[in-house]
All heavy atoms as atom14 arrays in JSON, in Angstrom:
{
  "sequence": "ERLAAEVPGIRLFGPPPGDPTPHVGVVSFTLEDIHPHDLATIVDHEG",
  "atom14_mask": [
    [1, 1, 1, 1, 1, 1, 1, 1, 1, 0, 0, 0, 0, 0],
    [1, 1, 1, 1, 1, 1, 1, 1, 1, 1, 1, 0, 0, 0],
    [1, 1, 1, 1, 1, 1, 1, 1, 0, 0, 0, 0, 0, 0],
    [1, 1, 1, 1, 1, 0, 0, 0, 0, 0, 0, 0, 0, 0],
    [1, 1, 1, 1, 1, 0, 0, 0, 0, 0, 0, 0, 0, 0],
    [1, 1, 1, 1, 1, 1, 1, 1, 1, 0, 0, 0, 0, 0],
    [1, 1, 1, 1, 1, 1, 1, 0, 0, 0, 0, 0, 0, 0],
    [1, 1, 1, 1, 1, 1, 1, 0, 0, 0, 0, 0, 0, 0],
    [1, 1, 1, 1, 0, 0, 0, 0, 0, 0, 0, 0, 0, 0],
    [1, 1, 1, 1, 1, 1, 1, 1, 0, 0, 0, 0, 0, 0],
    [1, 1, 1, 1, 1, 1, 1, 1, 1, 1, 1, 0, 0, 0],
    [1, 1, 1, 1, 1, 1, 1, 1, 0, 0, 0, 0, 0, 0],
    [1, 1, 1, 1, 1, 1, 1, 1, 1, 1, 1, 0, 0, 0],
    [1, 1, 1, 1, 0, 0, 0, 0, 0, 0, 0, 0, 0, 0],
    [1, 1, 1, 1, 1, 1, 1, 0, 0, 0, 0, 0, 0, 0],
    [1, 1, 1, 1, 1, 1, 1, 0, 0, 0, 0, 0, 0, 0],
    [1, 1, 1, 1, 1, 1, 1, 0, 0, 0, 0, 0, 0, 0],
    [1, 1, 1, 1, 0, 0, 0, 0, 0, 0, 0, 0, 0, 0],
    [1, 1, 1, 1, 1, 1, 1, 1, 0, 0, 0, 0, 0, 0],
    [1, 1, 1, 1, 1, 1, 1, 0, 0, 0, 0, 0, 0, 0],
    [1, 1, 1, 1, 1, 1, 1, 0, 0, 0, 0, 0, 0, 0],
    [1, 1, 1, 1, 1, 1, 1, 0, 0, 0, 0, 0, 0, 0],
    [1, 1, 1, 1, 1, 1, 1, 1, 1, 1, 0, 0, 0, 0],
    [1, 1, 1, 1, 1, 1, 1, 0, 0, 0, 0, 0, 0, 0],
    [1, 1, 1, 1, 0, 0, 0, 0, 0, 0, 0, 0, 0, 0],
    [1, 1, 1, 1, 1, 1, 1, 0, 0, 0, 0, 0, 0, 0],
    [1, 1, 1, 1, 1, 1, 1, 0, 0, 0, 0, 0, 0, 0],
    [1, 1, 1, 1, 1, 1, 0, 0, 0, 0, 0, 0, 0, 0],
    [1, 1, 1, 1, 1, 1, 1, 1, 1, 1, 1, 0, 0, 0],
    [1, 1, 1, 1, 1, 1, 1, 0, 0, 0, 0, 0, 0, 0],
    [1, 1, 1, 1, 1, 1, 1, 1, 0, 0, 0, 0, 0, 0],
    [1, 1, 1, 1, 1, 1, 1, 1, 1, 0, 0, 0, 0, 0],
    [1, 1, 1, 1, 1, 1, 1, 1, 0, 0, 0, 0, 0, 0],
    [1, 1, 1, 1, 1, 1, 1, 1, 0, 0, 0, 0, 0, 0],
    [1, 1, 1, 1, 1, 1, 1, 1, 1, 1, 0, 0, 0, 0],
    [1, 1, 1, 1, 1, 1, 1, 0, 0, 0, 0, 0, 0, 0],
    [1, 1, 1, 1, 1, 1, 1, 1, 1, 1, 0, 0, 0, 0],
    [1, 1, 1, 1, 1, 1, 1, 1, 0, 0, 0, 0, 0, 0],
    [1, 1, 1, 1, 1, 1, 1, 1, 0, 0, 0, 0, 0, 0],
    [1, 1, 1, 1, 1, 0, 0, 0, 0, 0, 0, 0, 0, 0],
    [1, 1, 1, 1, 1, 1, 1, 0, 0, 0, 0, 0, 0, 0],
    [1, 1, 1, 1, 1, 1, 1, 1, 0, 0, 0, 0, 0, 0],
    [1, 1, 1, 1, 1, 1, 1, 0, 0, 0, 0, 0, 0, 0],
    [1, 1, 1, 1, 1, 1, 1, 1, 0, 0, 0, 0, 0, 0],
    [1, 1, 1, 1, 1, 1, 1, 1, 1, 1, 0, 0, 0, 0],
    [1, 1, 1, 1, 1, 1, 1, 1, 1, 0, 0, 0, 0, 0],
    [1, 1, 1, 1, 0, 0, 0, 0, 0, 0, 0, 0, 0, 0]
  ],
  "atom14_positions": [
    [[-13.93, -7.43, 11.33], [-14.99, -7.86, 10.4], [-15.74, -6.66, 9.82], [-15.95, -6.57, 8.6], [-15.96, -8.79, 11.13], [-17.11, -9.27, 10.25], [-18.07, -10.18, 11.0], [-17.79, -10.48, 12.18], [-19.1, -10.56, 10.41], [0.0, 0.0, 0.0], [0.0, 0.0, 0.0], [0.0, 0.0, 0.0], [0.0, 0.0, 0.0], [0.0, 0.0, 0.0]],
    [[-16.11, -5.73, 10.66], [-16.92, -4.6, 10.2], [-16.12, -3.65, 9.31], [-16.63, -3.16, 8.29], [-17.51, -3.87, 11.39], [-18.57, -4.66, 12.14], [-19.32, -3.78, 13.1], [-19.97, -2.66, 12.4], [-20.59, -1.66, 13.01], [-20.65, -1.64, 14.34], [-21.15, -0.69, 12.32], [0.0, 0.0, 0.0], [0.0, 0.0, 0.0], [0.0, 0.0, 0.0]],
    [[-14.88, -3.36, 9.69], [-14.09, -2.46, 8.88], [-13.84, -3.04, 7.49], [-13.91, -2.34, 6.48], [-12.77, -2.15, 9.57], [-12.86, -1.3, 10.84], [-11.51, -1.2, 11.53], [-13.4, 0.1, 10.54], [0.0, 0.0, 0.0], [0.0, 0.0, 0.0], [0.0, 0.0, 0.0], [0.0, 0.0, 0.0], [0.0, 0.0, 0.0], [0.0, 0.0, 0.0]],
    [[-13.56, -4.34, 7.43], [-13.33, -4.98, 6.14], [-14.59, -5.0, 5.28], [-14.52, -4.8, 4.06], [-12.82, -6.4, 6.35], [0.0, 0.0, 0.0], [0.0, 0.0, 0.0], [0.0, 0.0, 0.0], [0.0, 0.0, 0.0], [0.0, 0.0, 0.0], [0.0, 0.0, 0.0], [0.0, 0.0, 0.0], [0.0, 0.0, 0.0], [0.0, 0.0, 0.0]],
    [[-15.74, -5.2, 5.91], [-16.99, -5.35, 5.16], [-17.66, -4.02, 4.84], [-18.34, -3.9, 3.81], [-17.96, -6.24, 5.95], [0.0, 0.0, 0.0], [0.0, 0.0, 0.0], [0.0, 0.0, 0.0], [0.0, 0.0, 0.0], [0.0, 0.0, 0.0], [0.0, 0.0, 0.0], [0.0, 0.0, 0.0], [0.0, 0.0, 0.0], [0.0, 0.0, 0.0]],
    [[-17.49, -3.02, 5.69], [-18.3, -1.81, 5.59], [-17.54, -0.57, 5.13], [-18.17, 0.46, 4.84], [-18.95, -1.51, 6.94], [-19.86, -2.62, 7.45], [-20.44, -2.33, 8.82], [-20.61, -1.14, 9.15], [-20.69, -3.29, 9.57], [0.0, 0.0, 0.0], [0.0, 0.0, 0.0], [0.0, 0.0, 0.0], [0.0, 0.0, 0.0], [0.0, 0.0, 0.0]],
    [[-16.21, -0.62, 5.07], [-15.42, 0.57, 4.71], [-14.58, 0.25, 3.48], [-13.49, -0.33, 3.6], [-14.53, 1.02, 5.88], [-13.8, 2.32, 5.51], [-15.34, 1.21, 7.15], [0.0, 0.0, 0.0], [0.0, 0.0, 0.0], [0.0, 0.0, 0.0], [0.0, 0.0, 0.0], [0.0, 0.0, 0.0], [0.0, 0.0, 0.0], [0.0, 0.0, 0.0]],
    [[-15.05, 0.6, 2.29], [-14.27, 0.35, 1.08], [-12.92, 1.07, 1.13], [-12.8, 2.17, 1.67], [-15.16, 0.93, -0.03], [-16.53, 0.95, 0.54], [-16.36, 1.21, 2.01], [0.0, 0.0, 0.0], [0.0, 0.0, 0.0], [0.0, 0.0, 0.0], [0.0, 0.0, 0.0], [0.0, 0.0, 0.0], [0.0, 0.0, 0.0], [0.0, 0.0, 0.0]],
    [[-11.9, 0.44, 0.56], [-10.59, 1.06, 0.46], [-9.73, 0.93, 1.7], [-8.63, 1.5, 1.75], [0.0, 0.0, 0.0], [0.0, 0.0, 0.0], [0.0, 0.0, 0.0], [0.0, 0.0, 0.0], [0.0, 0.0, 0.0], [0.0, 0.0, 0.0], [0.0, 0.0, 0.0], [0.0, 0.0, 0.0], [0.0, 0.0, 0.0], [0.0, 0.0, 0.0]],
    [[-10.21, 0.19, 2.7], [-9.43, 0.07, 3.93], [-8.42, -1.08, 3.8], [-8.68, -2.09, 3.13], [-10.34, -0.16, 5.16], [-9.6, 0.22, 6.45], [-10.86, -1.6, 5.22], [-10.51, 0.4, 7.64], [0.0, 0.0, 0.0], [0.0, 0.0, 0.0], [0.0, 0.0, 0.0], [0.0, 0.0, 0.0], [0.0, 0.0, 0.0], [0.0, 0.0, 0.0]],
    [[-7.25, -0.9, 4.39], [-6.24, -1.95, 4.47], [-5.94, -2.19, 5.93], [-5.54, -1.27, 6.65], [-4.96, -1.54, 3.73], [-3.84, -2.59, 3.82], [-2.55, -2.07, 3.22], [-1.46, -3.02, 3.41], [-0.16, -2.75, 3.19], [0.2, -1.54, 2.74], [0.77, -3.67, 3.4], [0.0, 0.0, 0.0], [0.0, 0.0, 0.0], [0.0, 0.0, 0.0]],
    [[-6.13, -3.41, 6.37], [-5.95, -3.78, 7.77], [-4.6, -4.46, 7.95], [-4.14, -5.22, 7.09], [-7.07, -4.71, 8.23], [-8.48, -4.12, 8.18], [-9.52, -5.21, 8.37], [-8.64, -3.04, 9.25], [0.0, 0.0, 0.0], [0.0, 0.0, 0.0], [0.0, 0.0, 0.0], [0.0, 0.0, 0.0], [0.0, 0.0, 0.0], [0.0, 0.0, 0.0]],
    [[-3.98, -4.2, 9.1], [-2.68, -4.8, 9.42], [-2.82, -5.7, 10.65], [-3.7, -5.51, 11.47], [-1.65, -3.7, 9.68], [-1.39, -2.81, 8.5], [-2.13, -1.65, 8.33], [-0.45, -3.14, 7.55], [-1.92, -0.82, 7.24], [-0.22, -2.31, 6.45], [-0.96, -1.15, 6.3], [0.0, 0.0, 0.0], [0.0, 0.0, 0.0], [0.0, 0.0, 0.0]],
    [[-1.89, -6.64, 10.77], [-1.93, -7.56, 11.91], [-2.55, -8.88, 11.51], [-3.07, -9.05, 10.4], [0.0, 0.0, 0.0], [0.0, 0.0, 0.0], [0.0, 0.0, 0.0], [0.0, 0.0, 0.0], [0.0, 0.0, 0.0], [0.0, 0.0, 0.0], [0.0, 0.0, 0.0], [0.0, 0.0, 0.0], [0.0, 0.0, 0.0], [0.0, 0.0, 0.0]],
    [[-2.52, -9.86, 12.43], [-3.04, -11.19, 12.11], [-4.49, -11.12, 11.63], [-5.33, -10.51, 12.29], [-2.92, -11.95, 13.44], [-1.82, -11.25, 14.16], [-1.95, -9.8, 13.79], [0.0, 0.0, 0.0], [0.0, 0.0, 0.0], [0.0, 0.0, 0.0], [0.0, 0.0, 0.0], [0.0, 0.0, 0.0], [0.0, 0.0, 0.0], [0.0, 0.0, 0.0]],
    [[-4.81, -11.73, 10.49], [-6.18, -11.69, 9.98], [-7.09, -12.61, 10.77], [-6.62, -13.49, 11.51], [-6.02, -12.18, 8.54], [-4.82, -13.07, 8.58], [-3.9, -12.46, 9.59], [0.0, 0.0, 0.0], [0.0, 0.0, 0.0], [0.0, 0.0, 0.0], [0.0, 0.0, 0.0], [0.0, 0.0, 0.0], [0.0, 0.0, 0.0], [0.0, 0.0, 0.0]],
    [[-8.41, -12.44, 10.64], [-9.34, -13.34, 11.33], [-9.05, -14.8, 10.96], [-8.79, -15.13, 9.8], [-10.7, -12.89, 10.8], [-10.51, -11.44, 10.45], [-9.11, -11.35, 9.93], [0.0, 0.0, 0.0], [0.0, 0.0, 0.0], [0.0, 0.0, 0.0], [0.0, 0.0, 0.0], [0.0, 0.0, 0.0], [0.0, 0.0, 0.0], [0.0, 0.0, 0.0]],
    [[-9.09, -15.65, 11.96], [-8.81, -17.07, 11.75], [-7.36, -17.44, 11.85], [-7.02, -18.64, 11.85], [0.0, 0.0, 0.0], [0.0, 0.0, 0.0], [0.0, 0.0, 0.0], [0.0, 0.0, 0.0], [0.0, 0.0, 0.0], [0.0, 0.0, 0.0], [0.0, 0.0, 0.0], [0.0, 0.0, 0.0], [0.0, 0.0, 0.0], [0.0, 0.0, 0.0]],
    [[-6.46, -16.47, 11.96], [-5.04, -16.78, 12.09], [-4.79, -17.41, 13.45], [-5.4, -17.01, 14.45], [-4.21, -15.49, 11.95], [-2.74, -15.78, 11.72], [-2.02, -16.02, 12.71], [-2.32, -15.76, 10.56], [0.0, 0.0, 0.0], [0.0, 0.0, 0.0], [0.0, 0.0, 0.0], [0.0, 0.0, 0.0], [0.0, 0.0, 0.0], [0.0, 0.0, 0.0]],
    [[-3.89, -18.4, 13.53], [-3.63, -19.01, 14.84], [-2.97, -18.06, 15.84], [-3.03, -18.29, 17.05], [-2.69, -20.18, 14.5], [-2.14, -19.87, 13.15], [-3.2, -19.09, 12.44], [0.0, 0.0, 0.0], [0.0, 0.0, 0.0], [0.0, 0.0, 0.0], [0.0, 0.0, 0.0], [0.0, 0.0, 0.0], [0.0, 0.0, 0.0], [0.0, 0.0, 0.0]],
    [[-2.34, -16.98, 15.37], [-1.77, -15.98, 16.28], [-2.86, -14.99, 16.67], [-3.46, -14.36, 15.8], [-0.61, -15.23, 15.62], [0.43, -16.16, 15.3], [-0.06, -14.16, 16.54], [0.0, 0.0, 0.0], [0.0, 0.0, 0.0], [0.0, 0.0, 0.0], [0.0, 0.0, 0.0], [0.0, 0.0, 0.0], [0.0, 0.0, 0.0], [0.0, 0.0, 0.0]],
    [[-3.16, -14.83, 17.95], [-4.24, -13.93, 18.36], [-3.98, -12.48, 17.98], [-2.83, -12.01, 18.03], [-4.28, -14.1, 19.89], [-3.64, -15.41, 20.15], [-2.59, -15.56, 19.11], [0.0, 0.0, 0.0], [0.0, 0.0, 0.0], [0.0, 0.0, 0.0], [0.0, 0.0, 0.0], [0.0, 0.0, 0.0], [0.0, 0.0, 0.0], [0.0, 0.0, 0.0]],
    [[-5.05, -11.8, 17.6], [-5.01, -10.36, 17.31], [-5.72, -9.68, 18.48], [-6.92, -9.87, 18.69], [-5.73, -10.08, 15.99], [-5.52, -8.69, 15.47], [-5.42, -8.41, 14.13], [-5.4, -7.49, 16.11], [-5.24, -7.1, 13.97], [-5.25, -6.53, 15.15], [0.0, 0.0, 0.0], [0.0, 0.0, 0.0], [0.0, 0.0, 0.0], [0.0, 0.0, 0.0]],
    [[-5.0, -8.86, 19.22], [-5.48, -8.36, 20.51], [-5.33, -6.84, 20.59], [-4.32, -6.28, 20.16], [-4.69, -9.01, 21.67], [-5.14, -8.47, 23.02], [-4.83, -10.53, 21.63], [0.0, 0.0, 0.0], [0.0, 0.0, 0.0], [0.0, 0.0, 0.0], [0.0, 0.0, 0.0], [0.0, 0.0, 0.0], [0.0, 0.0, 0.0], [0.0, 0.0, 0.0]],
    [[-6.34, -6.18, 21.12], [-6.2, -4.81, 21.6], [-6.27, -3.7, 20.59], [-6.93, -2.7, 20.82], [0.0, 0.0, 0.0], [0.0, 0.0, 0.0], [0.0, 0.0, 0.0], [0.0, 0.0, 0.0], [0.0, 0.0, 0.0], [0.0, 0.0, 0.0], [0.0, 0.0, 0.0], [0.0, 0.0, 0.0], [0.0, 0.0, 0.0], [0.0, 0.0, 0.0]],
    [[-5.54, -3.81, 19.48], [-5.43, -2.71, 18.54], [-5.74, -3.18, 17.12], [-5.48, -4.32, 16.76], [-4.03, -2.06, 18.57], [-3.63, -1.69, 20.0], [-2.98, -2.94, 17.96], [0.0, 0.0, 0.0], [0.0, 0.0, 0.0], [0.0, 0.0, 0.0], [0.0, 0.0, 0.0], [0.0, 0.0, 0.0], [0.0, 0.0, 0.0], [0.0, 0.0, 0.0]],
    [[-6.29, -2.24, 16.33], [-6.53, -2.48, 14.91], [-5.9, -1.32, 14.16], [-6.35, -0.17, 14.27], [-8.04, -2.57, 14.6], [-8.26, -2.69, 13.1], [-8.67, -3.76, 15.33], [0.0, 0.0, 0.0], [0.0, 0.0, 0.0], [0.0, 0.0, 0.0], [0.0, 0.0, 0.0], [0.0, 0.0, 0.0], [0.0, 0.0, 0.0], [0.0, 0.0, 0.0]],
    [[-4.85, -1.61, 13.39], [-4.16, -0.59, 12.6], [-4.6, -0.7, 11.15], [-4.81, -1.8, 10.62], [-2.64, -0.78, 12.69], [-2.16, -0.43, 13.96], [0.0, 0.0, 0.0], [0.0, 0.0, 0.0], [0.0, 0.0, 0.0], [0.0, 0.0, 0.0], [0.0, 0.0, 0.0], [0.0, 0.0, 0.0], [0.0, 0.0, 0.0], [0.0, 0.0, 0.0]],
    [[-4.71, 0.46, 10.48], [-5.24, 0.45, 9.12], [-4.81, 1.7, 8.37], [-4.4, 2.71, 8.96], [-6.77, 0.34, 9.13], [-7.47, 1.43, 9.91], [-7.88, 2.61, 9.31], [-7.71, 1.27, 11.27], [-8.52, 3.6, 10.03], [-8.36, 2.26, 12.01], [-8.76, 3.43, 11.39], [0.0, 0.0, 0.0], [0.0, 0.0, 0.0], [0.0, 0.0, 0.0]],
    [[-4.91, 1.63, 7.06], [-4.87, 2.8, 6.19], [-6.16, 2.83, 5.4], [-6.83, 1.8, 5.25], [-3.66, 2.78, 5.24], [-3.67, 1.56, 4.48], [-2.35, 2.87, 6.02], [0.0, 0.0, 0.0], [0.0, 0.0, 0.0], [0.0, 0.0, 0.0], [0.0, 0.0, 0.0], [0.0, 0.0, 0.0], [0.0, 0.0, 0.0], [0.0, 0.0, 0.0]],
    [[-6.5, 4.01, 4.86], [-7.76, 4.16, 4.12], [-7.5, 4.94, 2.85], [-7.1, 6.12, 2.9], [-8.79, 4.89, 4.99], [-10.18, 5.09, 4.36], [-10.81, 3.75, 3.99], [-11.09, 5.85, 5.31], [0.0, 0.0, 0.0], [0.0, 0.0, 0.0], [0.0, 0.0, 0.0], [0.0, 0.0, 0.0], [0.0, 0.0, 0.0], [0.0, 0.0, 0.0]],
    [[-7.74, 4.25, 1.72], [-7.5, 4.84, 0.41], [-6.1, 5.48, 0.41], [-5.16, 4.9, 0.93], [-8.6, 5.86, 0.08], [-10.02, 5.31, 0.15], [-10.38, 4.36, -0.99], [-9.53, 4.05, -1.84], [-11.55, 3.89, -1.02], [0.0, 0.0, 0.0], [0.0, 0.0, 0.0], [0.0, 0.0, 0.0], [0.0, 0.0, 0.0], [0.0, 0.0, 0.0]],
    [[-5.98, 6.69, -0.15], [-4.7, 7.4, -0.1], [-4.76, 8.57, 0.88], [-3.97, 9.52, 0.77], [-4.28, 7.87, -1.49], [-5.26, 8.86, -2.1], [-6.33, 9.11, -1.49], [-4.97, 9.39, -3.19], [0.0, 0.0, 0.0], [0.0, 0.0, 0.0], [0.0, 0.0, 0.0], [0.0, 0.0, 0.0], [0.0, 0.0, 0.0], [0.0, 0.0, 0.0]],
    [[-5.67, 8.51, 1.85], [-5.8, 9.55, 2.86], [-4.67, 9.36, 3.88], [-4.51, 8.27, 4.44], [-7.16, 9.47, 3.58], [-8.31, 9.49, 2.56], [-7.31, 10.6, 4.58], [-9.67, 9.2, 3.18], [0.0, 0.0, 0.0], [0.0, 0.0, 0.0], [0.0, 0.0, 0.0], [0.0, 0.0, 0.0], [0.0, 0.0, 0.0], [0.0, 0.0, 0.0]],
    [[-3.89, 10.41, 4.12], [-2.81, 10.27, 5.09], [-3.42, 10.01, 6.47], [-4.43, 10.63, 6.84], [-1.96, 11.54, 5.14], [-0.67, 11.35, 5.86], [-0.58, 11.3, 7.25], [0.61, 11.18, 5.41], [0.68, 11.1, 7.61], [1.42, 11.03, 6.51], [0.0, 0.0, 0.0], [0.0, 0.0, 0.0], [0.0, 0.0, 0.0], [0.0, 0.0, 0.0]],
    [[-2.84, 9.12, 7.24], [-3.41, 8.81, 8.56], [-3.58, 10.03, 9.46], [-4.53, 10.09, 10.25], [-2.4, 7.81, 9.15], [-1.85, 7.11, 7.95], [-1.76, 8.18, 6.89], [0.0, 0.0, 0.0], [0.0, 0.0, 0.0], [0.0, 0.0, 0.0], [0.0, 0.0, 0.0], [0.0, 0.0, 0.0], [0.0, 0.0, 0.0], [0.0, 0.0, 0.0]],
    [[-2.69, 11.01, 9.36], [-2.86, 12.22, 10.17], [-4.13, 12.98, 9.78], [-4.87, 13.47, 10.65], [-1.64, 13.12, 10.04], [-0.41, 12.58, 10.68], [0.84, 13.07, 10.43], [-0.25, 11.57, 11.58], [1.74, 12.4, 11.13], [1.1, 11.48, 11.84], [0.0, 0.0, 0.0], [0.0, 0.0, 0.0], [0.0, 0.0, 0.0], [0.0, 0.0, 0.0]],
    [[-4.39, 13.08, 8.46], [-5.62, 13.72, 8.01], [-6.84, 12.92, 8.48], [-7.85, 13.49, 8.91], [-5.63, 13.85, 6.49], [-4.55, 14.78, 5.97], [-4.2, 15.72, 6.71], [-4.06, 14.55, 4.86], [0.0, 0.0, 0.0], [0.0, 0.0, 0.0], [0.0, 0.0, 0.0], [0.0, 0.0, 0.0], [0.0, 0.0, 0.0], [0.0, 0.0, 0.0]],
    [[-6.72, 11.61, 8.39], [-7.82, 10.75, 8.8], [-8.14, 10.92, 10.27], [-9.31, 11.07, 10.66], [-7.44, 9.29, 8.5], [-8.52, 8.23, 8.65], [-9.68, 8.51, 7.71], [-7.93, 6.85, 8.38], [0.0, 0.0, 0.0], [0.0, 0.0, 0.0], [0.0, 0.0, 0.0], [0.0, 0.0, 0.0], [0.0, 0.0, 0.0], [0.0, 0.0, 0.0]],
    [[-7.11, 10.96, 11.11], [-7.33, 11.13, 12.55], [-7.95, 12.48, 12.86], [-8.78, 12.61, 13.77], [-6.01, 10.95, 13.3], [0.0, 0.0, 0.0], [0.0, 0.0, 0.0], [0.0, 0.0, 0.0], [0.0, 0.0, 0.0], [0.0, 0.0, 0.0], [0.0, 0.0, 0.0], [0.0, 0.0, 0.0], [0.0, 0.0, 0.0], [0.0, 0.0, 0.0]],
    [[-7.56, 13.5, 12.11], [-8.12, 14.84, 12.32], [-9.6, 14.86, 11.98], [-10.43, 15.43, 12.72], [-7.37, 15.87, 11.47], [-5.99, 15.87, 11.84], [-7.94, 17.27, 11.67], [0.0, 0.0, 0.0], [0.0, 0.0, 0.0], [0.0, 0.0, 0.0], [0.0, 0.0, 0.0], [0.0, 0.0, 0.0], [0.0, 0.0, 0.0], [0.0, 0.0, 0.0]],
    [[-9.97, 14.23, 10.89], [-11.37, 14.22, 10.47], [-12.23, 13.45, 11.46], [-13.29, 13.93, 11.88], [-11.5, 13.62, 9.05], [-10.81, 14.53, 8.03], [-12.97, 13.4, 8.69], [-10.63, 13.9, 6.68], [0.0, 0.0, 0.0], [0.0, 0.0, 0.0], [0.0, 0.0, 0.0], [0.0, 0.0, 0.0], [0.0, 0.0, 0.0], [0.0, 0.0, 0.0]],
    [[-11.79, 12.27, 11.86], [-12.63, 11.49, 12.77], [-12.7, 12.13, 14.15], [-13.69, 11.97, 14.87], [-12.17, 10.01, 12.86], [-12.2, 9.35, 11.5], [-10.8, 9.88, 13.49], [0.0, 0.0, 0.0], [0.0, 0.0, 0.0], [0.0, 0.0, 0.0], [0.0, 0.0, 0.0], [0.0, 0.0, 0.0], [0.0, 0.0, 0.0], [0.0, 0.0, 0.0]],
    [[-11.66, 12.91, 14.52], [-11.72, 13.65, 15.78], [-12.86, 14.67, 15.75], [-13.56, 14.88, 16.75], [-10.4, 14.36, 16.04], [-10.43, 15.19, 17.31], [-10.65, 14.61, 18.4], [-10.26, 16.42, 17.23], [0.0, 0.0, 0.0], [0.0, 0.0, 0.0], [0.0, 0.0, 0.0], [0.0, 0.0, 0.0], [0.0, 0.0, 0.0], [0.0, 0.0, 0.0]],
    [[-13.09, 15.3, 14.59], [-14.21, 16.23, 14.46], [-15.55, 15.52, 14.6], [-16.57, 16.16, 14.89], [-14.14, 16.96, 13.12], [-13.09, 18.04, 13.07], [-13.17, 19.21, 13.8], [-11.92, 18.11, 12.4], [-12.12, 19.96, 13.56], [-11.33, 19.31, 12.73], [0.0, 0.0, 0.0], [0.0, 0.0, 0.0], [0.0, 0.0, 0.0], [0.0, 0.0, 0.0]],
    [[-15.54, 14.21, 14.42], [-16.74, 13.41, 14.61], [-16.82, 12.84, 16.02], [-17.69, 12.01, 16.31], [-16.77, 12.25, 13.59], [-16.76, 12.7, 12.14], [-17.97, 13.56, 11.8], [-19.1, 13.13, 12.1], [-17.77, 14.68, 11.26], [0.0, 0.0, 0.0], [0.0, 0.0, 0.0], [0.0, 0.0, 0.0], [0.0, 0.0, 0.0], [0.0, 0.0, 0.0]],
    [[-15.91, 13.26, 16.9], [-15.94, 12.83, 18.29], [-15.21, 11.55, 18.58], [-15.31, 11.01, 19.69], [0.0, 0.0, 0.0], [0.0, 0.0, 0.0], [0.0, 0.0, 0.0], [0.0, 0.0, 0.0], [0.0, 0.0, 0.0], [0.0, 0.0, 0.0], [0.0, 0.0, 0.0], [0.0, 0.0, 0.0], [0.0, 0.0, 0.0], [0.0, 0.0, 0.0]]
  ]
}
């Protein structure tokens, strides 16, 4: 809910909220055209 509402340009993968198939444990996503490796490096600098 928060990633969809608060982070523009995010694309979420996996069963969406309300889907009868449970979404458990992990949330996978892409953000704008930022490569996921670059994204992980930046957020690591944020702890």
